[in-house]
C-alpha atoms as a PDB file:
ATOM      1  CA  MET A   1       8.875  27.692   0.375  1.00  0.00           C
ATOM      2  CA  THR A   2       6.338  25.397   1.768  1.00  0.00           C
ATOM      3  CA  TYR A   3       6.547  21.921   1.071  1.00  0.00           C
ATOM      4  CA  LYS A   4       3.245  21.878  -1.053  1.00  0.00           C
ATOM      5  CA  LYS A   5       4.244  24.704  -3.015  1.00  0.00           C
ATOM      6  CA  LEU A   6       7.942  22.550  -3.334  1.00  0.00           C
ATOM      7  CA  MET A   7       6.004  19.695  -4.718  1.00  0.00           C
ATOM      8  CA  ASN A   8       4.068  21.773  -7.412  1.00  0.00           C
ATOM      9  CA  PHE A   9       7.331  23.861  -8.692  1.00  0.00           C
ATOM     10  CA  PHE A  10       8.773  20.249  -9.641  1.00  0.00           C
ATOM     11  CA  ALA A  11       5.351  19.115 -10.692  1.00  0.00           C
ATOM     12  CA  ASP A  12       5.778  21.995 -12.900  1.00  0.00           C
ATOM     13  CA  ILE A  13       8.560  21.027 -14.174  1.00  0.00           C
ATOM     14  CA  LEU A  14       8.102  17.710 -14.709  1.00  0.00           C
ATOM     15  CA  ASN A  15       4.760  18.251 -16.238  1.00  0.00           C
ATOM     16  CA  ASP A  16       3.506  15.679 -13.852  1.00  0.00           C
ATOM     17  CA  HIS A  17       0.380  16.901 -11.613  1.00  0.00           C
ATOM     18  CA  SER A  18      -0.935  12.993 -11.953  1.00  0.00           C
ATOM     19  CA  THR A  19      -1.673  11.358  -8.488  1.00  0.00           C
ATOM     20  CA  THR A  20      -0.835   7.617  -8.398  1.00  0.00           C
ATOM     21  CA  ASN A  21      -3.513   5.405  -7.381  1.00  0.00           C
ATOM     22  CA  VAL A  22      -2.588   2.569  -4.970  1.00  0.00           C
ATOM     23  CA  LEU A  23      -4.905  -0.479  -3.622  1.00  0.00           C
ATOM     24  CA  LEU A  24      -4.364  -2.190  -0.453  1.00  0.00           C
ATOM     25  CA  VAL A  25      -5.030  -5.633   0.185  1.00  0.00           C
ATOM     26  CA  GLY A  26      -5.772  -6.413   4.085  1.00  0.00           C
ATOM     27  CA  CYS A  27      -8.048  -4.164   6.471  1.00  0.00           C
ATOM     28  CA  GLY A  28      -6.916  -5.360   9.928  1.00  0.00           C
ATOM     29  CA  ASN A  29      -4.956  -2.898  12.056  1.00  0.00           C
ATOM     30  CA  ILE A  30      -2.310  -1.906   9.642  1.00  0.00           C
ATOM     31  CA  GLY A  31      -4.145  -1.755   7.031  1.00  0.00           C
ATOM     32  CA  ARG A  32      -6.781   0.544   8.667  1.00  0.00           C
ATOM     33  CA  ALA A  33      -4.192   2.770  10.103  1.00  0.00           C
ATOM     34  CA  LEU A  34      -2.759   3.164   6.145  1.00  0.00           C
ATOM     35  CA  LEU A  35      -6.674   3.808   5.361  1.00  0.00           C
ATOM     36  CA  HIS A  36      -6.308   6.980   7.246  1.00  0.00           C
ATOM     37  CA  TYR A  37      -3.050   8.134   6.372  1.00  0.00           C
ATOM     38  CA  ARG A  38      -3.148  11.098   4.462  1.00  0.00           C
ATOM     39  CA  PHE A  39      -0.654  10.217   1.801  1.00  0.00           C
ATOM     40  CA  HIS A  40      -2.298  12.769  -0.966  1.00  0.00           C
ATOM     41  CA  ASP A  41      -1.769  15.552   1.563  1.00  0.00           C
ATOM     42  CA  ARG A  42       2.157  14.841   1.694  1.00  0.00           C
ATOM     43  CA  ASN A  43       2.469  13.305  -1.445  1.00  0.00           C
ATOM     44  CA  LYS A  44       0.954  12.659  -5.220  1.00  0.00           C
ATOM     45  CA  MET A  45      -0.018   9.467  -4.147  1.00  0.00           C
ATOM     46  CA  GLN A  46      -3.764   8.131  -2.309  1.00  0.00           C
ATOM     47  CA  ILE A  47      -5.192   4.533  -1.564  1.00  0.00           C
ATOM     48  CA  ALA A  48      -8.159   4.750  -4.135  1.00  0.00           C
ATOM     49  CA  MET A  49      -9.850   1.202  -2.907  1.00  0.00           C
ATOM     50  CA  ALA A  50      -9.225  -1.219  -0.407  1.00  0.00           C
ATOM     51  CA  PHE A  51      -9.870  -5.073  -0.271  1.00  0.00           C
ATOM     52  CA  ASP A  52     -10.463  -7.815   2.425  1.00  0.00           C
ATOM     53  CA  THR A  53     -11.801 -11.069   2.595  1.00  0.00           C
ATOM     54  CA  ASP A  54     -15.492 -11.467   0.861  1.00  0.00           C
ATOM     55  CA  ASP A  55     -16.714 -12.200   3.988  1.00  0.00           C
ATOM     56  CA  ASN A  56     -15.488  -9.166   5.976  1.00  0.00           C
ATOM     57  CA  GLU A  57     -18.385  -6.931   7.545  1.00  0.00           C
ATOM     58  CA  ILE A  58     -16.923  -3.627   6.231  1.00  0.00           C
ATOM     59  CA  VAL A  59     -16.769  -5.183   2.202  1.00  0.00           C
ATOM     60  CA  GLY A  60     -19.469  -3.106   0.527  1.00  0.00           C
ATOM     61  CA  HIS A  61     -18.678   0.184   2.598  1.00  0.00           C
ATOM     62  CA  LYS A  62     -16.325   3.004   2.126  1.00  0.00           C
ATOM     63  CA  THR A  63     -13.916   4.230   4.964  1.00  0.00           C
ATOM     64  CA  SER A  64     -14.474   7.550   6.257  1.00  0.00           C
ATOM     65  CA  ASP A  65     -12.588   9.195   3.730  1.00  0.00           C
ATOM     66  CA  GLY A  66     -14.657   7.627   1.105  1.00  0.00           C
ATOM     67  CA  ILE A  67     -12.128   4.493  -0.003  1.00  0.00           C
ATOM     68  CA  PRO A  68     -14.407   1.842  -1.121  1.00  0.00           C
ATOM     69  CA  VAL A  69     -13.641  -1.574   0.289  1.00  0.00           C
ATOM     70  CA  TYR A  70     -13.987  -4.951  -1.896  1.00  0.00           C
ATOM     71  CA  GLY A  71     -14.099  -8.149  -1.748  1.00  0.00           C
ATOM     72  CA  ILE A  72     -10.817 -10.014  -2.957  1.00  0.00           C
ATOM     73  CA  SER A  73     -12.539 -11.976  -4.932  1.00  0.00           C
ATOM     74  CA  SER A  74     -13.331  -8.720  -7.256  1.00  0.00           C
ATOM     75  CA  LEU A  75      -9.675  -7.480  -7.089  1.00  0.00           C
ATOM     76  CA  LYS A  76      -8.410  -8.141 -10.741  1.00  0.00           C
ATOM     77  CA  GLU A  77     -11.677  -6.569 -12.364  1.00  0.00           C
ATOM     78  CA  HIS A  78     -11.200  -3.454 -10.072  1.00  0.00           C
ATOM     79  CA  ALA A  79      -7.691  -3.529 -10.473  1.00  0.00           C
ATOM     80  CA  GLN A  80      -7.901  -3.167 -13.885  1.00  0.00           C
ATOM     81  CA  GLU A  81     -10.760  -1.199 -14.325  1.00  0.00           C
ATOM     82  CA  ALA A  82      -8.921   1.867 -12.738  1.00  0.00           C
ATOM     83  CA  GLY A  83      -5.798   0.747 -14.128  1.00  0.00           C
ATOM     84  CA  ILE A  84      -3.535   0.396 -10.648  1.00  0.00           C
ATOM     85  CA  GLU A  85      -0.350  -0.850 -10.556  1.00  0.00           C
ATOM     86  CA  THR A  86       0.734  -0.428  -7.157  1.00  0.00           C
ATOM     87  CA  ALA A  87      -0.359  -2.106  -3.734  1.00  0.00           C
ATOM     88  CA  ILE A  88       0.187  -2.103  -0.162  1.00  0.00           C
ATOM     89  CA  LEU A  89      -0.271  -5.729   1.346  1.00  0.00           C
ATOM     90  CA  THR A  90      -1.221  -6.094   4.860  1.00  0.00           C
ATOM     91  CA  VAL A  91      -2.429  -9.495   5.185  1.00  0.00           C
ATOM     92  CA  PRO A  92      -1.344 -12.389   7.640  1.00  0.00           C
ATOM     93  CA  SER A  93       2.061 -14.166   6.576  1.00  0.00           C
ATOM     94  CA  ASN A  94       0.252 -17.530   6.135  1.00  0.00           C
ATOM     95  CA  LYS A  95      -2.257 -15.460   3.176  1.00  0.00           C
ATOM     96  CA  ALA A  96       0.761 -13.152   1.753  1.00  0.00           C
ATOM     97  CA  GLN A  97       1.913 -15.215  -1.120  1.00  0.00           C
ATOM     98  CA  GLU A  98      -1.387 -16.208  -2.282  1.00  0.00           C
ATOM     99  CA  VAL A  99      -2.703 -12.649  -2.239  1.00  0.00           C
ATOM    100  CA  ALA A 100       0.527 -11.634  -3.994  1.00  0.00           C
ATOM    101  CA  ASP A 101      -0.219 -14.125  -6.493  1.00  0.00           C
ATOM    102  CA  ILE A 102      -3.715 -12.355  -7.024  1.00  0.00           C
ATOM    103  CA  LEU A 103      -2.047  -9.112  -7.419  1.00  0.00           C
ATOM    104  CA  VAL A 104       0.445 -10.123 -10.131  1.00  0.00           C
ATOM    105  CA  GLU A 105      -2.601 -12.087 -12.097  1.00  0.00           C
ATOM    106  CA  ALA A 106      -4.547  -8.326 -11.736  1.00  0.00           C
ATOM    107  CA  GLY A 107      -1.671  -6.774 -13.195  1.00  0.00           C
ATOM    108  CA  ILE A 108      -0.185  -5.107 -10.053  1.00  0.00           C
ATOM    109  CA  ARG A 109       3.870  -4.240 -10.876  1.00  0.00           C
ATOM    110  CA  GLY A 110       4.770  -2.774  -7.393  1.00  0.00           C
ATOM    111  CA  ILE A 111       4.130  -4.690  -3.920  1.00  0.00           C
ATOM    112  CA  LEU A 112       4.660  -2.661  -0.358  1.00  0.00           C
ATOM    113  CA  SER A 113       4.350  -5.574   1.681  1.00  0.00           C
ATOM    114  CA  PHE A 114       3.966  -5.601   5.763  1.00  0.00           C
ATOM    115  CA  ALA A 115       4.331  -9.297   5.872  1.00  0.00           C
ATOM    116  CA  PRO A 116       7.470 -10.906   7.024  1.00  0.00           C
ATOM    117  CA  VAL A 117       7.536 -13.302   4.339  1.00  0.00           C
ATOM    118  CA  HIS A 118       9.938 -13.647   1.146  1.00  0.00           C
ATOM    119  CA  LEU A 119       7.255 -13.109  -1.873  1.00  0.00           C
ATOM    120  CA  ASN A 120       7.925 -15.352  -5.016  1.00  0.00           C
ATOM    121  CA  VAL A 121       6.940 -12.785  -7.643  1.00  0.00           C
ATOM    122  CA  PRO A 122       7.949 -12.869 -11.229  1.00  0.00           C
ATOM    123  CA  LYS A 123      10.662 -10.585 -13.081  1.00  0.00           C
ATOM    124  CA  GLY A 124       9.425  -7.610 -13.358  1.00  0.00           C
ATOM    125  CA  VAL A 125       7.540  -7.192 -10.202  1.00  0.00           C
ATOM    126  CA  ILE A 126       9.260  -4.945  -7.520  1.00  0.00           C
ATOM    127  CA  VAL A 127       8.445  -6.070  -3.788  1.00  0.00           C
ATOM    128  CA  GLN A 128       9.417  -3.772  -1.130  1.00  0.00           C
ATOM    129  CA  TYR A 129       9.558  -5.277   2.289  1.00  0.00           C
ATOM    130  CA  VAL A 130       8.407  -3.181   5.528  1.00  0.00           C
ATOM    131  CA  ASP A 131       9.870  -5.236   8.625  1.00  0.00           C
ATOM    132  CA  LEU A 132       8.255  -3.539  11.487  1.00  0.00           C
ATOM    133  CA  THR A 133      10.645  -5.537  13.682  1.00  0.00           C
ATOM    134  CA  SER A 134      13.836  -4.883  11.935  1.00  0.00           C
ATOM    135  CA  GLU A 135      13.392  -1.206  12.121  1.00  0.00           C
ATOM    136  CA  LEU A 136      12.512  -1.183  15.903  1.00  0.00           C
ATOM    137  CA  GLN A 137      15.846  -3.194  16.596  1.00  0.00           C
ATOM    138  CA  THR A 138      17.782  -0.730  14.505  1.00  0.00           C
ATOM    139  CA  LEU A 139      16.191   2.280  16.332  1.00  0.00           C
ATOM    140  CA  LEU A 140      17.004   0.163  19.651  1.00  0.00           C
ATOM    141  CA  TYR A 141      20.666  -0.177  18.525  1.00  0.00           C
ATOM    142  CA  PHE A 142      21.242   3.312  17.597  1.00  0.00           C
ATOM    143  CA  MET A 143      19.458   4.540  20.769  1.00  0.00           C
ATOM    144  CA  SER A 144      22.027   2.376  22.925  1.00  0.00           C
ATOM    145  CA  GLN A 145      25.105   3.683  20.882  1.00  0.00           C
ATOM    146  CA  SER A 146      23.975   7.187  21.362  1.00  0.00           C
ATOM    147  CA  ASN A 147      24.107   6.615  25.600  1.00  0.00           C
ATOM    148  CA  GLN A 148      27.683   5.362  25.582  1.00  0.00           C
END
């Protein structure tokens, strides 16, 4: 049974064929890479919209996959209109808390953060951190252990 057939099988059992829309904030290097990653081909989720600073030249355009990029000042309006509750945060560390506050105000309940700083969010908002440095160190450790 292929992966897609297996996912559809479980979706039938759970009566869940819906796709979870996620928004992305920060269209720098990591953000752009994630925008081009085809989540929906592998899972029942997709990046539905992206945000960056209002003066970024990509604001007002769409990615090659048709994902619209908006200015951060319109995040609350767009997120609430689309009913999105999950965000990926790929902004610089010094902007992460400010953007997290905007996300919480917009009704976001789950944040996947690539910023290497702890975010203060209210109870009921879940933050999952992706620490690439830590992951690389873990990889290197296990590589060194396998060579002994």
